[in-house]
Amino acid sequence: MITTIVRITKYGWQNFTRNAWLSTATIAVMVLALSVFLGLMMFNVMTGTIISSIENKINISVYFKASTAEDDILNVQSQLKSLPEVAVVDYVSKDQALAAFEDKHQNDPTISQAIDQLGSNPLLASLNVRAYRPNQYQVIADYLNNNSSIQPFVEKISYAQNAGIIDRLNRILDIARRGGIGLTVFMSLVAMLITFNTIRLAIYSNRESITIMRLVGGSNFFVRGQFLVEGALYGILSALVSMLLIAPIVYFISPYGTILVPEMNVWQYFVSHSLLLFFYGLLFGVALGLISSFIAVGKYLRESQA
């Protein structure tokens, strides 16, 4: 068995090196497929970071009447924290709201003069509520609107103004997730089809050698094995080339990603996860080569026996 495996590996390597142009074409196709695969992985990381960043900026603001005591506001905060849909509830007092407002408009003398002329703090205390997921904000808003113990203290709830934006964002996120999954599956099928055809071409170019092997007693396992080795070699080399190809692309687009979302550094992620990405690319490439080779050789053997 060991001798057979050694011979299979030897013939697989010979097939790989003998047909230089065919091997180059096959590797080019697999590099394209692997680059798309790794690109989709990086795209999923980018979209995940963007989605998380946007979700963290969405909230419901509950503004309380000026006469509401702080203890009553803290009691409402405690009630909201008990809801399973609520992730965070931040209390913003009137003084904190004024300080933030003045800091935001410190370069606008008109607003500063208006506040000075009022002689009092016109802003209201509020609770900023953030849910675990965007589709949970409606549940929180319904709770606030239908709770008789909270309504007497509430001046307004910002969800009514933001509901349309939140709902649209929720639909966009769902479509993006489903589209990403669908695109990944579609590209995988296309890559398998292309690789299958290139392996079939490799088998066709070696059909005379295969016929001789079978005439001298070579088993189907022996014939199939060498092309499985060849397919695995395609996958290994393609994984290496695709990593080298995608690295400068990631480095180039990384600054633009940082401008879009400051929390995201694509290049840093790529460097810190390069071994893991290469491992996934290697698994995908080898599996692609093995499966395509297995199907292609099986089809050829069935046709030759017919």
C-alpha atoms as a PDB file:
ATOM      1  CA  MET A   1       0.000   0.000   0.000  1.00  0.00           C
ATOM      2  CA  ILE A   2       2.829   2.382   0.870  1.00  0.00           C
ATOM      3  CA  THR A   3       4.497   1.635  -2.472  1.00  0.00           C
ATOM      4  CA  THR A   4       1.232   2.318  -4.289  1.00  0.00           C
ATOM      5  CA  ILE A   5       0.760   5.637  -2.478  1.00  0.00           C
ATOM      6  CA  VAL A   6       4.332   6.661  -3.303  1.00  0.00           C
ATOM      7  CA  ARG A   7       3.776   5.832  -6.969  1.00  0.00           C
ATOM      8  CA  ILE A   8       0.446   7.669  -7.017  1.00  0.00           C
ATOM      9  CA  THR A   9       2.140  10.743  -5.514  1.00  0.00           C
ATOM     10  CA  LYS A  10       5.002  10.440  -8.024  1.00  0.00           C
ATOM     11  CA  TYR A  11       2.665  10.250 -11.038  1.00  0.00           C
ATOM     12  CA  GLY A  12       0.533  13.064  -9.634  1.00  0.00           C
ATOM     13  CA  TRP A  13       3.617  15.264  -9.307  1.00  0.00           C
ATOM     14  CA  GLN A  14       4.735  14.299 -12.820  1.00  0.00           C
ATOM     15  CA  ASN A  15       1.328  15.227 -14.225  1.00  0.00           C
ATOM     16  CA  PHE A  16       1.527  18.503 -12.353  1.00  0.00           C
ATOM     17  CA  THR A  17       4.985  19.419 -13.683  1.00  0.00           C
ATOM     18  CA  ARG A  18       4.752  17.861 -17.155  1.00  0.00           C
ATOM     19  CA  ASN A  19       1.881  20.009 -18.429  1.00  0.00           C
ATOM     20  CA  ALA A  20       3.260  23.419 -17.508  1.00  0.00           C
ATOM     21  CA  TRP A  21       0.786  25.523 -19.498  1.00  0.00           C
ATOM     22  CA  LEU A  22      -2.209  23.450 -18.432  1.00  0.00           C
ATOM     23  CA  SER A  23      -1.104  23.548 -14.795  1.00  0.00           C
ATOM     24  CA  THR A  24      -0.639  27.308 -15.030  1.00  0.00           C
ATOM     25  CA  ALA A  25      -4.123  27.747 -16.498  1.00  0.00           C
ATOM     26  CA  THR A  26      -5.669  25.510 -13.829  1.00  0.00           C
ATOM     27  CA  ILE A  27      -3.858  27.333 -11.026  1.00  0.00           C
ATOM     28  CA  ALA A  28      -4.937  30.691 -12.481  1.00  0.00           C
ATOM     29  CA  VAL A  29      -8.579  29.621 -12.378  1.00  0.00           C
ATOM     30  CA  MET A  30      -8.269  28.282  -8.845  1.00  0.00           C
ATOM     31  CA  VAL A  31      -6.429  31.415  -7.715  1.00  0.00           C
ATOM     32  CA  LEU A  32      -9.340  33.446  -9.038  1.00  0.00           C
ATOM     33  CA  ALA A  33     -11.812  31.262  -7.142  1.00  0.00           C
ATOM     34  CA  LEU A  34      -9.747  31.399  -3.938  1.00  0.00           C
ATOM     35  CA  SER A  35      -9.266  35.148  -4.247  1.00  0.00           C
ATOM     36  CA  VAL A  36     -13.040  35.554  -4.476  1.00  0.00           C
ATOM     37  CA  PHE A  37     -13.436  33.241  -1.472  1.00  0.00           C
ATOM     38  CA  LEU A  38     -10.893  35.157   0.636  1.00  0.00           C
ATOM     39  CA  GLY A  39     -12.312  38.441  -0.624  1.00  0.00           C
ATOM     40  CA  LEU A  40     -15.758  37.391   0.529  1.00  0.00           C
ATOM     41  CA  MET A  41     -14.345  36.518   3.941  1.00  0.00           C
ATOM     42  CA  MET A  42     -12.756  39.967   4.215  1.00  0.00           C
ATOM     43  CA  PHE A  43     -15.963  41.563   2.896  1.00  0.00           C
ATOM     44  CA  ASN A  44     -17.972  39.782   5.585  1.00  0.00           C
ATOM     45  CA  VAL A  45     -15.573  41.149   8.219  1.00  0.00           C
ATOM     46  CA  MET A  46     -15.926  44.674   6.813  1.00  0.00           C
ATOM     47  CA  THR A  47     -19.720  44.533   6.575  1.00  0.00           C
ATOM     48  CA  GLY A  48     -19.925  42.996  10.034  1.00  0.00           C
ATOM     49  CA  THR A  49     -17.901  45.888  11.461  1.00  0.00           C
ATOM     50  CA  ILE A  50     -19.949  48.460   9.551  1.00  0.00           C
ATOM     51  CA  ILE A  51     -23.228  46.883  10.661  1.00  0.00           C
ATOM     52  CA  SER A  52     -22.045  46.752  14.271  1.00  0.00           C
ATOM     53  CA  SER A  53     -20.943  50.392  14.116  1.00  0.00           C
ATOM     54  CA  ILE A  54     -24.311  51.507  12.709  1.00  0.00           C
ATOM     55  CA  GLU A  55     -26.267  49.421  15.196  1.00  0.00           C
ATOM     56  CA  ASN A  56     -24.337  51.026  18.072  1.00  0.00           C
ATOM     57  CA  LYS A  57     -25.407  54.471  16.854  1.00  0.00           C
ATOM     58  CA  ILE A  58     -29.135  53.624  16.869  1.00  0.00           C
ATOM     59  CA  ASN A  59     -31.143  54.207  20.028  1.00  0.00           C
ATOM     60  CA  ILE A  60     -34.464  55.363  21.443  1.00  0.00           C
ATOM     61  CA  SER A  61     -34.361  58.600  23.422  1.00  0.00           C
ATOM     62  CA  VAL A  62     -37.015  59.052  26.104  1.00  0.00           C
ATOM     63  CA  TYR A  63     -37.354  62.731  27.151  1.00  0.00           C
ATOM     64  CA  PHE A  64     -38.972  63.482  30.504  1.00  0.00           C
ATOM     65  CA  LYS A  65     -41.072  66.448  31.554  1.00  0.00           C
ATOM     66  CA  ALA A  66     -39.195  69.217  33.368  1.00  0.00           C
ATOM     67  CA  SER A  67     -41.166  68.534  36.557  1.00  0.00           C
ATOM     68  CA  THR A  68     -40.183  64.846  36.711  1.00  0.00           C
ATOM     69  CA  ALA A  69     -38.108  63.945  39.757  1.00  0.00           C
ATOM     70  CA  GLU A  70     -34.781  62.192  39.228  1.00  0.00           C
ATOM     71  CA  ASP A  71     -35.943  59.217  41.333  1.00  0.00           C
ATOM     72  CA  ASP A  72     -38.852  58.668  38.932  1.00  0.00           C
ATOM     73  CA  ILE A  73     -36.459  58.753  35.952  1.00  0.00           C
ATOM     74  CA  LEU A  74     -34.148  56.243  37.623  1.00  0.00           C
ATOM     75  CA  ASN A  75     -37.150  54.029  38.335  1.00  0.00           C
ATOM     76  CA  VAL A  76     -38.058  54.054  34.616  1.00  0.00           C
ATOM     77  CA  GLN A  77     -34.421  53.263  33.816  1.00  0.00           C
ATOM     78  CA  SER A  78     -34.603  50.244  36.119  1.00  0.00           C
ATOM     79  CA  GLN A  79     -37.789  49.025  34.414  1.00  0.00           C
ATOM     80  CA  LEU A  80     -36.237  49.313  30.976  1.00  0.00           C
ATOM     81  CA  LYS A  81     -33.099  47.446  32.040  1.00  0.00           C
ATOM     82  CA  SER A  82     -35.290  44.503  33.040  1.00  0.00           C
ATOM     83  CA  LEU A  83     -36.522  44.054  29.452  1.00  0.00           C
ATOM     84  CA  PRO A  84     -34.769  41.188  27.603  1.00  0.00           C
ATOM     85  CA  GLU A  85     -34.552  43.299  24.426  1.00  0.00           C
ATOM     86  CA  VAL A  86     -32.636  46.135  26.116  1.00  0.00           C
ATOM     87  CA  ALA A  87     -28.828  46.111  26.010  1.00  0.00           C
ATOM     88  CA  VAL A  88     -27.976  49.505  27.567  1.00  0.00           C
ATOM     89  CA  VAL A  89     -29.915  52.355  29.178  1.00  0.00           C
ATOM     90  CA  ASP A  90     -27.932  55.580  29.729  1.00  0.00           C
ATOM     91  CA  TYR A  91     -29.283  58.383  31.896  1.00  0.00           C
ATOM     92  CA  VAL A  92     -28.553  61.942  30.700  1.00  0.00           C
ATOM     93  CA  SER A  93     -29.442  64.615  33.239  1.00  0.00           C
ATOM     94  CA  LYS A  94     -30.466  68.156  32.313  1.00  0.00           C
ATOM     95  CA  ASP A  95     -27.036  69.493  33.266  1.00  0.00           C
ATOM     96  CA  GLN A  96     -25.254  66.792  31.227  1.00  0.00           C
ATOM     97  CA  ALA A  97     -27.477  67.513  28.228  1.00  0.00           C
ATOM     98  CA  LEU A  98     -26.727  71.242  28.467  1.00  0.00           C
ATOM     99  CA  ALA A  99     -22.991  70.663  28.794  1.00  0.00           C
ATOM    100  CA  ALA A 100     -23.009  68.393  25.719  1.00  0.00           C
ATOM    101  CA  PHE A 101     -25.109  70.913  23.769  1.00  0.00           C
ATOM    102  CA  GLU A 102     -22.773  73.811  24.627  1.00  0.00           C
ATOM    103  CA  ASP A 103     -19.711  71.740  23.734  1.00  0.00           C
ATOM    104  CA  LYS A 104     -21.223  70.794  20.376  1.00  0.00           C
ATOM    105  CA  HIS A 105     -22.085  74.444  19.530  1.00  0.00           C
ATOM    106  CA  GLN A 106     -19.155  76.174  21.196  1.00  0.00           C
ATOM    107  CA  ASN A 107     -18.165  77.837  17.920  1.00  0.00           C
ATOM    108  CA  ASP A 108     -21.640  79.284  17.364  1.00  0.00           C
ATOM    109  CA  PRO A 109     -21.912  82.554  19.348  1.00  0.00           C
ATOM    110  CA  THR A 110     -25.601  82.980  18.464  1.00  0.00           C
ATOM    111  CA  ILE A 111     -26.615  79.804  20.298  1.00  0.00           C
ATOM    112  CA  SER A 112     -24.367  80.649  23.259  1.00  0.00           C
ATOM    113  CA  GLN A 113     -25.966  84.094  23.580  1.00  0.00           C
ATOM    114  CA  ALA A 114     -29.465  82.597  23.340  1.00  0.00           C
ATOM    115  CA  ILE A 115     -28.757  80.210  26.208  1.00  0.00           C
ATOM    116  CA  ASP A 116     -27.300  83.022  28.328  1.00  0.00           C
ATOM    117  CA  GLN A 117     -30.384  85.169  27.729  1.00  0.00           C
ATOM    118  CA  LEU A 118     -32.725  82.362  28.803  1.00  0.00           C
ATOM    119  CA  GLY A 119     -31.120  82.291  32.225  1.00  0.00           C
ATOM    120  CA  SER A 120     -32.179  78.663  32.779  1.00  0.00           C
ATOM    121  CA  ASN A 121     -31.592  75.225  31.346  1.00  0.00           C
ATOM    122  CA  PRO A 122     -34.181  74.612  28.578  1.00  0.00           C
ATOM    123  CA  LEU A 123     -33.132  71.005  27.935  1.00  0.00           C
ATOM    124  CA  LEU A 124     -34.846  67.934  29.314  1.00  0.00           C
ATOM    125  CA  ALA A 125     -33.437  64.907  31.092  1.00  0.00           C
ATOM    126  CA  SER A 126     -33.522  61.758  28.994  1.00  0.00           C
ATOM    127  CA  LEU A 127     -32.811  58.048  28.806  1.00  0.00           C
ATOM    128  CA  ASN A 128     -30.973  56.687  25.767  1.00  0.00           C
ATOM    129  CA  VAL A 129     -32.041  53.090  25.180  1.00  0.00           C
ATOM    130  CA  ARG A 130     -30.115  50.701  22.919  1.00  0.00           C
ATOM    131  CA  ALA A 131     -31.441  47.272  21.950  1.00  0.00           C
ATOM    132  CA  TYR A 132     -29.482  44.129  21.159  1.00  0.00           C
ATOM    133  CA  ARG A 133     -30.840  44.049  17.593  1.00  0.00           C
ATOM    134  CA  PRO A 134     -32.497  46.699  15.385  1.00  0.00           C
ATOM    135  CA  ASN A 135     -35.752  44.733  15.045  1.00  0.00           C
ATOM    136  CA  GLN A 136     -36.269  44.945  18.826  1.00  0.00           C
ATOM    137  CA  TYR A 137     -36.766  48.713  18.969  1.00  0.00           C
ATOM    138  CA  GLN A 138     -40.442  48.437  18.092  1.00  0.00           C
ATOM    139  CA  VAL A 139     -40.984  46.171  21.118  1.00  0.00           C
ATOM    140  CA  ILE A 140     -39.289  48.709  23.392  1.00  0.00           C
ATOM    141  CA  ALA A 141     -41.267  51.599  21.889  1.00  0.00           C
ATOM    142  CA  ASP A 142     -44.548  49.706  22.403  1.00  0.00           C
ATOM    143  CA  TYR A 143     -43.605  49.061  26.027  1.00  0.00           C
ATOM    144  CA  LEU A 144     -42.950  52.768  26.625  1.00  0.00           C
ATOM    145  CA  ASN A 145     -46.157  53.894  24.890  1.00  0.00           C
ATOM    146  CA  ASN A 146     -48.410  51.363  26.609  1.00  0.00           C
ATOM    147  CA  ASN A 147     -47.008  51.508  30.146  1.00  0.00           C
ATOM    148  CA  SER A 148     -49.364  53.628  32.272  1.00  0.00           C
ATOM    149  CA  SER A 149     -46.788  54.041  35.050  1.00  0.00           C
ATOM    150  CA  ILE A 150     -44.273  55.644  32.645  1.00  0.00           C
ATOM    151  CA  GLN A 151     -46.471  57.789  30.399  1.00  0.00           C
ATOM    152  CA  PRO A 152     -47.234  60.558  32.993  1.00  0.00           C
ATOM    153  CA  PHE A 153     -43.511  61.438  33.132  1.00  0.00           C
ATOM    154  CA  VAL A 154     -42.709  61.260  29.420  1.00  0.00           C
ATOM    155  CA  GLU A 155     -42.541  64.389  27.266  1.00  0.00           C
ATOM    156  CA  LYS A 156     -41.718  62.596  24.012  1.00  0.00           C
ATOM    157  CA  ILE A 157     -40.115  59.448  22.614  1.00  0.00           C
ATOM    158  CA  SER A 158     -37.745  59.798  19.672  1.00  0.00           C
ATOM    159  CA  TYR A 159     -38.625  56.439  18.101  1.00  0.00           C
ATOM    160  CA  ALA A 160     -41.600  57.895  16.277  1.00  0.00           C
ATOM    161  CA  GLN A 161     -39.204  60.105  14.295  1.00  0.00           C
ATOM    162  CA  ASN A 162     -36.569  57.403  13.836  1.00  0.00           C
ATOM    163  CA  ALA A 163     -38.872  54.425  13.227  1.00  0.00           C
ATOM    164  CA  GLY A 164     -38.661  54.685   9.437  1.00  0.00           C
ATOM    165  CA  ILE A 165     -34.858  54.883   9.461  1.00  0.00           C
ATOM    166  CA  ILE A 166     -34.563  51.994  11.899  1.00  0.00           C
ATOM    167  CA  ASP A 167     -36.962  49.800   9.923  1.00  0.00           C
ATOM    168  CA  ARG A 168     -35.175  50.519   6.638  1.00  0.00           C
ATOM    169  CA  LEU A 169     -31.824  49.768   8.229  1.00  0.00           C
ATOM    170  CA  ASN A 170     -33.175  46.502   9.589  1.00  0.00           C
ATOM    171  CA  ARG A 171     -34.343  45.459   6.107  1.00  0.00           C
ATOM    172  CA  ILE A 172     -31.012  46.485   4.550  1.00  0.00           C
ATOM    173  CA  LEU A 173     -29.082  44.439   7.106  1.00  0.00           C
ATOM    174  CA  ASP A 174     -31.221  41.367   6.451  1.00  0.00           C
ATOM    175  CA  ILE A 175     -30.827  41.723   2.680  1.00  0.00           C
ATOM    176  CA  ALA A 176     -27.062  42.225   3.034  1.00  0.00           C
ATOM    177  CA  ARG A 177     -26.678  39.090   5.146  1.00  0.00           C
ATOM    178  CA  ARG A 178     -28.784  36.949   2.816  1.00  0.00           C
ATOM    179  CA  GLY A 179     -27.092  38.403  -0.256  1.00  0.00           C
ATOM    180  CA  GLY A 180     -23.659  37.642   1.177  1.00  0.00           C
ATOM    181  CA  ILE A 181     -24.600  34.029   1.820  1.00  0.00           C
ATOM    182  CA  GLY A 182     -26.134  33.664  -1.647  1.00  0.00           C
ATOM    183  CA  LEU A 183     -23.105  35.225  -3.363  1.00  0.00           C
ATOM    184  CA  THR A 184     -20.744  32.925  -1.464  1.00  0.00           C
ATOM    185  CA  VAL A 185     -22.699  29.830  -2.499  1.00  0.00           C
ATOM    186  CA  PHE A 186     -22.972  31.019  -6.122  1.00  0.00           C
ATOM    187  CA  MET A 187     -19.253  31.764  -6.446  1.00  0.00           C
ATOM    188  CA  SER A 188     -18.371  28.412  -4.875  1.00  0.00           C
ATOM    189  CA  LEU A 189     -20.510  26.584  -7.441  1.00  0.00           C
ATOM    190  CA  VAL A 190     -18.974  28.571 -10.302  1.00  0.00           C
ATOM    191  CA  ALA A 191     -15.474  27.863  -9.009  1.00  0.00           C
ATOM    192  CA  MET A 192     -16.202  24.142  -8.750  1.00  0.00           C
ATOM    193  CA  LEU A 193     -17.596  24.057 -12.279  1.00  0.00           C
ATOM    194  CA  ILE A 194     -14.575  25.836 -13.751  1.00  0.00           C
ATOM    195  CA  THR A 195     -12.109  23.690 -11.813  1.00  0.00           C
ATOM    196  CA  PHE A 196     -13.973  20.534 -12.836  1.00  0.00           C
ATOM    197  CA  ASN A 197     -13.611  21.472 -16.498  1.00  0.00           C
ATOM    198  CA  THR A 198      -9.911  22.279 -16.151  1.00  0.00           C
ATOM    199  CA  ILE A 199      -9.259  18.933 -14.426  1.00  0.00           C
ATOM    200  CA  ARG A 200     -11.206  17.205 -17.204  1.00  0.00           C
ATOM    201  CA  LEU A 201      -8.912  18.915 -19.694  1.00  0.00           C
ATOM    202  CA  ALA A 202      -5.897  17.636 -17.773  1.00  0.00           C
ATOM    203  CA  ILE A 203      -7.314  14.105 -17.867  1.00  0.00           C
ATOM    204  CA  TYR A 204      -8.002  14.387 -21.583  1.00  0.00           C
ATOM    205  CA  SER A 205      -4.414  15.419 -22.280  1.00  0.00           C
ATOM    206  CA  ASN A 206      -3.201  12.305 -20.401  1.00  0.00           C
ATOM    207  CA  ARG A 207      -5.787   9.885 -21.812  1.00  0.00           C
ATOM    208  CA  GLU A 208      -3.163   7.787 -23.611  1.00  0.00           C
ATOM    209  CA  SER A 209      -1.137   7.349 -20.414  1.00  0.00           C
ATOM    210  CA  ILE A 210      -4.296   6.360 -18.532  1.00  0.00           C
ATOM    211  CA  THR A 211      -5.169   3.777 -21.197  1.00  0.00           C
ATOM    212  CA  ILE A 212      -1.675   2.238 -20.953  1.00  0.00           C
ATOM    213  CA  MET A 213      -1.881   2.103 -17.145  1.00  0.00           C
ATOM    214  CA  ARG A 214      -5.193   0.263 -17.278  1.00  0.00           C
ATOM    215  CA  LEU A 215      -3.881  -2.179 -19.924  1.00  0.00           C
ATOM    216  CA  VAL A 216      -0.952  -3.162 -17.700  1.00  0.00           C
ATOM    217  CA  GLY A 217      -3.272  -3.747 -14.724  1.00  0.00           C
ATOM    218  CA  GLY A 218      -3.568  -0.321 -13.124  1.00  0.00           C
ATOM    219  CA  SER A 219      -6.661  -0.138 -10.916  1.00  0.00           C
ATOM    220  CA  ASN A 220      -9.210   2.650 -10.890  1.00  0.00           C
ATOM    221  CA  PHE A 221      -7.848   3.664  -7.476  1.00  0.00           C
ATOM    222  CA  PHE A 222      -4.375   4.045  -8.987  1.00  0.00           C
ATOM    223  CA  VAL A 223      -5.673   6.080 -11.923  1.00  0.00           C
ATOM    224  CA  ARG A 224      -7.911   8.225  -9.740  1.00  0.00           C
ATOM    225  CA  GLY A 225      -5.270   8.738  -7.045  1.00  0.00           C
ATOM    226  CA  GLN A 226      -2.720  10.514  -9.227  1.00  0.00           C
ATOM    227  CA  PHE A 227      -5.279  13.101 -10.328  1.00  0.00           C
ATOM    228  CA  LEU A 228      -6.419  13.584  -6.739  1.00  0.00           C
ATOM    229  CA  VAL A 229      -2.804  14.350  -5.856  1.00  0.00           C
ATOM    230  CA  GLU A 230      -2.610  16.721  -8.813  1.00  0.00           C
ATOM    231  CA  GLY A 231      -5.832  18.451  -7.712  1.00  0.00           C
ATOM    232  CA  ALA A 232      -4.513  18.798  -4.151  1.00  0.00           C
ATOM    233  CA  LEU A 233      -1.278  20.333  -5.487  1.00  0.00           C
ATOM    234  CA  TYR A 234      -3.328  22.836  -7.472  1.00  0.00           C
ATOM    235  CA  GLY A 235      -5.189  23.756  -4.303  1.00  0.00           C
ATOM    236  CA  ILE A 236      -2.032  24.167  -2.180  1.00  0.00           C
ATOM    237  CA  LEU A 237      -0.209  26.321  -4.708  1.00  0.00           C
ATOM    238  CA  SER A 238      -3.350  28.338  -5.469  1.00  0.00           C
ATOM    239  CA  ALA A 239      -3.826  29.093  -1.769  1.00  0.00           C
ATOM    240  CA  LEU A 240      -0.277  30.465  -1.559  1.00  0.00           C
ATOM    241  CA  VAL A 241      -0.626  32.580  -4.696  1.00  0.00           C
ATOM    242  CA  SER A 242      -4.048  33.915  -3.725  1.00  0.00           C
ATOM    243  CA  MET A 243      -2.747  35.074  -0.324  1.00  0.00           C
ATOM    244  CA  LEU A 244       0.149  36.868  -2.041  1.00  0.00           C
ATOM    245  CA  LEU A 245      -2.300  38.391  -4.519  1.00  0.00           C
ATOM    246  CA  ILE A 246      -4.882  39.601  -2.040  1.00  0.00           C
ATOM    247  CA  ALA A 247      -2.386  41.078   0.474  1.00  0.00           C
ATOM    248  CA  PRO A 248      -1.472  44.218  -1.545  1.00  0.00           C
ATOM    249  CA  ILE A 249      -5.148  44.733  -2.452  1.00  0.00           C
ATOM    250  CA  VAL A 250      -6.137  44.696   1.229  1.00  0.00           C
ATOM    251  CA  TYR A 251      -3.241  47.033   2.058  1.00  0.00           C
ATOM    252  CA  PHE A 252      -4.396  49.473  -0.635  1.00  0.00           C
ATOM    253  CA  ILE A 253      -8.089  49.584   0.364  1.00  0.00           C
ATOM    254  CA  SER A 254      -7.458  49.607   4.127  1.00  0.00           C
ATOM    255  CA  PRO A 255      -7.174  53.441   4.453  1.00  0.00           C
ATOM    256  CA  TYR A 256     -10.493  53.884   2.625  1.00  0.00           C
ATOM    257  CA  GLY A 257     -12.159  51.424   4.988  1.00  0.00           C
ATOM    258  CA  THR A 258     -10.842  53.395   7.969  1.00  0.00           C
ATOM    259  CA  ILE A 259     -12.354  56.585   6.539  1.00  0.00           C
ATOM    260  CA  LEU A 260     -15.732  54.851   6.174  1.00  0.00           C
ATOM    261  CA  VAL A 261     -15.660  53.237   9.616  1.00  0.00           C
ATOM    262  CA  PRO A 262     -12.948  54.475  12.051  1.00  0.00           C
ATOM    263  CA  GLU A 263     -13.293  51.328  14.167  1.00  0.00           C
ATOM    264  CA  MET A 264     -12.206  49.149  11.223  1.00  0.00           C
ATOM    265  CA  ASN A 265      -8.590  48.473  10.194  1.00  0.00           C
ATOM    266  CA  VAL A 266      -8.758  45.898   7.398  1.00  0.00           C
ATOM    267  CA  TRP A 267      -4.977  45.584   6.992  1.00  0.00           C
ATOM    268  CA  GLN A 268      -4.437  45.006  10.712  1.00  0.00           C
ATOM    269  CA  TYR A 269      -7.126  42.337  10.687  1.00  0.00           C
ATOM    270  CA  PHE A 270      -5.567  40.679   7.625  1.00  0.00           C
ATOM    271  CA  VAL A 271      -2.093  40.591   9.193  1.00  0.00           C
ATOM    272  CA  SER A 272      -3.282  39.318  12.577  1.00  0.00           C
ATOM    273  CA  HIS A 273      -5.475  36.631  10.964  1.00  0.00           C
ATOM    274  CA  SER A 274      -3.253  35.797   7.974  1.00  0.00           C
ATOM    275  CA  LEU A 275      -2.492  32.259   9.163  1.00  0.00           C
ATOM    276  CA  LEU A 276      -6.168  31.546   9.773  1.00  0.00           C
ATOM    277  CA  LEU A 277      -7.130  33.009   6.384  1.00  0.00           C
ATOM    278  CA  PHE A 278      -4.434  30.926   4.682  1.00  0.00           C
ATOM    279  CA  PHE A 279      -5.685  27.831   6.498  1.00  0.00           C
ATOM    280  CA  TYR A 280      -9.246  28.457   5.302  1.00  0.00           C
ATOM    281  CA  GLY A 281      -7.989  29.175   1.791  1.00  0.00           C
ATOM    282  CA  LEU A 282      -5.902  25.993   1.860  1.00  0.00           C
ATOM    283  CA  LEU A 283      -8.866  23.899   2.983  1.00  0.00           C
ATOM    284  CA  PHE A 284     -11.084  25.457   0.330  1.00  0.00           C
ATOM    285  CA  GLY A 285      -8.482  25.062  -2.425  1.00  0.00           C
ATOM    286  CA  VAL A 286      -7.554  21.464  -1.597  1.00  0.00           C
ATOM    287  CA  ALA A 287     -11.208  20.483  -1.181  1.00  0.00           C
ATOM    288  CA  LEU A 288     -12.004  22.167  -4.486  1.00  0.00           C
ATOM    289  CA  GLY A 289      -9.200  20.305  -6.257  1.00  0.00           C
ATOM    290  CA  LEU A 290      -9.991  16.942  -4.662  1.00  0.00           C
ATOM    291  CA  ILE A 291     -13.743  17.068  -5.223  1.00  0.00           C
ATOM    292  CA  SER A 292     -13.414  18.328  -8.795  1.00  0.00           C
ATOM    293  CA  SER A 293     -10.750  15.722  -9.587  1.00  0.00           C
ATOM    294  CA  PHE A 294     -12.774  12.932  -7.994  1.00  0.00           C
ATOM    295  CA  ILE A 295     -15.878  13.783 -10.015  1.00  0.00           C
ATOM    296  CA  ALA A 296     -13.958  14.401 -13.248  1.00  0.00           C
ATOM    297  CA  VAL A 297     -11.961  11.143 -13.059  1.00  0.00           C
ATOM    298  CA  GLY A 298     -15.061   9.182 -12.072  1.00  0.00           C
ATOM    299  CA  LYS A 299     -16.907  10.553 -15.091  1.00  0.00           C
ATOM    300  CA  TYR A 300     -13.989   9.673 -17.381  1.00  0.00           C
ATOM    301  CA  LEU A 301     -13.687   6.136 -16.000  1.00  0.00           C
ATOM    302  CA  ARG A 302     -17.400   5.504 -16.452  1.00  0.00           C
ATOM    303  CA  GLU A 303     -17.283   6.802 -20.017  1.00  0.00           C
ATOM    304  CA  SER A 304     -14.199   4.719 -20.884  1.00  0.00           C
ATOM    305  CA  GLN A 305     -15.824   1.554 -19.512  1.00  0.00           C
ATOM    306  CA  ALA A 306     -19.061   2.098 -21.433  1.00  0.00           C
END
